[in-house]
Amino acid sequence: MHSFIILSLGPSGHNWNIIIWSWNLCLMLFLVLYYSSRMNINITEGIKSFRINYIVLILFGLMPTLNFIGYWDDYLSGVLYSGSNDRVVFYMDTIDEPELTKSRKTVTINNEGCSTYKINFIGWSIYDLRVPFYPANRYYNRFGRILCKKTKNQIQSGIEITTRSKFTGNKIITRCSCRELLEFENQ
């Protein structure tokens, strides 16, 4: 399985998400080491005797439920490849387009009939870094502020985050202008 993942996401396949390559190589090595020195262990003794198991149970069993009320990140809750990630774009006026889209033409969207361009954060991250953007509002706002500092028209620029409600599945669209993002930074 790990070999297939490396072949499909590595240089011989999509050449995407570099972090997955090393992770899968390490897991392959771990499996070889684990099964080469394998001893018979009674499972109930292992659970009772190791206190670390309780920490693992709390971190991987209970903490992800805090994601439903916004106190635990999506990626730490197993939502990495679920397809329910946020859609985040940086919107800007056409006067800022030449400066902010030099190497990002493939992820810049021109709204027909509008004087607005949008840069998709996830597409940009995959295009430039070959890894997905970490989906957390603190990173969206931080990166949005970096882009806002490069814009001339801060009233017509900002970030737009489209999420889905965890309970109803309804779309929730949040827009924050550059002026608001930069004011929040100064507080």
Protein backbone atom coordinates (compact mmCIF):
# COMPACT_ATOMS: atom_id res chain seq x y z
CA MET A 1 0.00 0.00 0.00
CA HIS A 2 2.76 2.46 0.94
CA SER A 3 4.66 1.64 -2.26
CA PHE A 4 1.53 2.33 -4.32
CA ILE A 5 1.02 5.67 -2.54
CA ILE A 6 4.62 6.71 -3.26
CA LEU A 7 4.31 5.61 -6.89
CA SER A 8 1.05 7.49 -7.44
CA LEU A 9 1.94 10.70 -5.55
CA GLY A 10 5.69 10.68 -6.17
CA PRO A 11 7.77 11.75 -9.18
CA SER A 12 6.56 8.78 -11.23
CA GLY A 13 2.92 9.78 -10.67
CA HIS A 14 1.32 13.11 -9.84
CA ASN A 15 4.54 14.56 -8.34
CA TRP A 16 2.46 16.11 -5.59
CA ASN A 17 2.47 16.45 -1.78
CA ILE A 18 6.14 15.84 -1.02
CA ILE A 19 5.44 15.35 2.70
CA ILE A 20 3.57 12.13 1.97
CA TRP A 21 6.63 10.58 0.31
CA SER A 22 8.89 10.66 3.39
CA TRP A 23 6.03 9.73 5.69
CA ASN A 24 5.27 6.59 3.67
CA LEU A 25 8.94 5.64 3.41
CA CYS A 26 9.23 5.89 7.21
CA LEU A 27 6.10 3.78 7.68
CA MET A 28 7.51 1.11 5.35
CA LEU A 29 10.73 1.04 7.40
CA PHE A 30 8.74 0.93 10.64
CA LEU A 31 6.78 -2.09 9.41
CA VAL A 32 9.97 -3.93 8.45
CA LEU A 33 11.50 -3.23 11.87
CA TYR A 34 8.31 -4.16 13.71
CA TYR A 35 7.75 -7.49 11.99
CA SER A 36 11.42 -8.51 12.03
CA SER A 37 11.59 -8.38 15.84
CA ARG A 38 8.07 -9.59 16.51
CA MET A 39 7.24 -11.24 19.85
CA ASN A 40 3.95 -12.70 20.98
CA ILE A 41 2.15 -10.14 23.14
CA ASN A 42 -1.11 -10.60 24.95
CA ILE A 43 -3.17 -7.57 23.88
CA THR A 44 -4.97 -7.08 27.20
CA GLU A 45 -1.67 -7.00 29.09
CA GLY A 46 -0.32 -4.39 26.68
CA ILE A 47 -3.31 -2.10 27.15
CA LYS A 48 -3.30 -2.30 30.94
CA SER A 49 0.44 -2.04 31.42
CA PHE A 50 1.27 0.98 29.30
CA ARG A 51 0.07 4.35 30.56
CA ILE A 52 0.96 5.87 27.19
CA ASN A 53 -2.08 4.07 25.80
CA TYR A 54 -4.34 6.35 27.81
CA ILE A 55 -2.64 9.42 26.33
CA VAL A 56 -3.05 7.96 22.84
CA LEU A 57 -6.73 7.25 23.55
CA ILE A 58 -7.29 10.84 24.67
CA LEU A 59 -5.36 12.42 21.76
CA PHE A 60 -6.76 10.25 18.96
CA GLY A 61 -10.10 9.23 20.44
CA LEU A 62 -11.47 12.14 22.43
CA MET A 63 -9.68 15.30 21.25
CA PRO A 64 -10.94 15.10 17.63
CA THR A 65 -14.51 15.49 18.93
CA LEU A 66 -13.53 19.04 19.95
CA ASN A 67 -13.40 19.82 16.23
CA PHE A 68 -17.20 19.95 16.17
CA ILE A 69 -17.17 23.02 18.42
CA GLY A 70 -14.09 24.66 16.85
CA TYR A 71 -11.40 23.82 19.42
CA TRP A 72 -9.37 21.29 17.41
CA ASP A 73 -7.99 21.60 13.86
CA ASP A 74 -9.56 19.71 10.96
CA TYR A 75 -6.35 17.93 9.95
CA LEU A 76 -5.81 16.70 13.51
CA SER A 77 -9.33 15.24 13.39
CA GLY A 78 -8.75 13.02 10.37
CA VAL A 79 -10.35 15.26 7.72
CA LEU A 80 -7.20 15.47 5.60
CA TYR A 81 -8.49 13.85 2.39
CA SER A 82 -12.22 13.84 3.14
CA GLY A 83 -13.06 16.43 0.46
CA SER A 84 -14.76 18.68 3.03
CA ASN A 85 -11.93 21.21 3.33
CA ASP A 86 -12.49 24.95 3.18
CA ARG A 87 -12.31 26.86 -0.10
CA VAL A 88 -10.28 30.02 0.46
CA VAL A 89 -9.58 32.73 -2.09
CA PHE A 90 -7.86 36.09 -1.97
CA TYR A 91 -9.87 38.55 -4.02
CA MET A 92 -8.32 41.73 -5.40
CA ASP A 93 -8.92 44.62 -7.72
CA THR A 94 -7.42 44.49 -11.23
CA ILE A 95 -4.87 47.20 -10.39
CA ASP A 96 -3.15 44.71 -8.05
CA GLU A 97 -3.25 41.81 -10.52
CA PRO A 98 0.19 42.28 -12.16
CA GLU A 99 1.99 42.37 -8.78
CA LEU A 100 0.24 39.45 -7.06
CA THR A 101 -0.12 36.95 -9.89
CA LYS A 102 3.36 36.86 -11.44
CA SER A 103 3.96 33.14 -10.84
CA ARG A 104 0.38 32.21 -10.04
CA LYS A 105 -1.39 32.51 -13.40
CA THR A 106 -2.62 28.91 -13.17
CA VAL A 107 -4.54 29.56 -9.94
CA THR A 108 -5.80 33.09 -10.64
CA ILE A 109 -9.43 33.37 -11.68
CA ASN A 110 -10.76 36.40 -13.53
CA ASN A 111 -14.48 36.89 -12.88
CA GLU A 112 -16.08 37.61 -16.27
CA GLY A 113 -17.46 41.13 -16.41
CA CYS A 114 -15.98 42.08 -13.03
CA SER A 115 -12.86 43.98 -12.13
CA THR A 116 -11.93 41.36 -9.54
CA TYR A 117 -9.33 38.59 -9.61
CA LYS A 118 -9.24 35.69 -7.17
CA ILE A 119 -6.28 33.59 -6.08
CA ASN A 120 -7.17 30.16 -4.71
CA PHE A 121 -4.99 29.48 -1.61
CA ILE A 122 -5.03 25.69 -1.98
CA GLY A 123 -4.27 25.79 -5.70
CA TRP A 124 -1.50 28.30 -5.14
CA SER A 125 0.05 26.19 -2.38
CA ILE A 126 -0.08 23.03 -4.47
CA TYR A 127 1.32 24.84 -7.53
CA ASP A 128 4.20 26.58 -5.69
CA LEU A 129 4.97 24.20 -2.81
CA ARG A 130 3.47 20.90 -3.98
CA VAL A 131 1.65 20.47 -0.65
CA PRO A 132 -1.89 21.49 0.36
CA PHE A 133 -2.46 24.65 2.40
CA TYR A 134 -3.04 23.91 6.11
CA PRO A 135 -6.76 24.54 6.68
CA ALA A 136 -7.01 26.76 9.74
CA ASN A 137 -8.44 30.29 9.99
CA ARG A 138 -5.31 31.61 11.72
CA TYR A 139 -3.24 30.69 8.65
CA TYR A 140 -5.82 32.06 6.20
CA ASN A 141 -5.78 35.39 8.05
CA ARG A 142 -1.98 35.48 8.35
CA PHE A 143 -1.45 34.76 4.66
CA GLY A 144 -4.25 37.17 3.74
CA ARG A 145 -2.49 39.93 5.69
CA ILE A 146 0.76 39.24 3.80
CA LEU A 147 -1.07 39.62 0.48
CA CYS A 148 -2.99 42.66 1.73
CA LYS A 149 0.25 44.49 2.43
CA LYS A 150 1.08 44.16 -1.29
CA THR A 151 -2.24 45.55 -2.54
CA LYS A 152 -2.98 49.14 -3.47
CA ASN A 153 -6.77 48.97 -3.17
CA GLN A 154 -7.35 47.52 0.30
CA ILE A 155 -11.08 48.19 0.27
CA GLN A 156 -11.64 45.99 -2.81
CA SER A 157 -9.29 43.21 -1.65
CA GLY A 158 -9.42 40.57 1.07
CA ILE A 159 -10.08 36.91 1.75
CA GLU A 160 -13.21 34.87 1.22
CA ILE A 161 -13.60 31.58 3.12
CA THR A 162 -16.27 29.08 2.09
CA THR A 163 -16.89 26.34 4.64
CA ARG A 164 -19.62 23.82 5.32
CA SER A 165 -21.46 23.53 8.60
CA LYS A 166 -20.35 20.38 10.41
CA PHE A 167 -23.93 19.60 11.41
CA THR A 168 -26.15 20.69 8.50
CA GLY A 169 -23.75 20.76 5.55
CA ASN A 170 -24.91 24.27 4.56
CA LYS A 171 -22.38 26.60 2.93
CA ILE A 172 -21.05 29.40 5.09
CA ILE A 173 -19.26 32.22 3.25
CA THR A 174 -17.14 34.65 5.27
CA ARG A 175 -15.53 37.71 3.67
CA CYS A 176 -12.94 39.88 5.34
CA SER A 177 -11.49 42.92 3.58
CA CYS A 178 -7.81 43.83 3.74
CA ARG A 179 -8.63 46.85 5.83
CA GLU A 180 -10.31 44.61 8.44
CA LEU A 181 -7.46 42.06 8.37
CA LEU A 182 -4.80 44.71 8.85
CA GLU A 183 -6.76 46.48 11.62
CA PHE A 184 -7.08 43.15 13.44
CA GLU A 185 -3.30 42.68 13.21
CA ASN A 186 -2.62 46.07 14.78
CA GLN A 187 -4.84 45.39 17.83
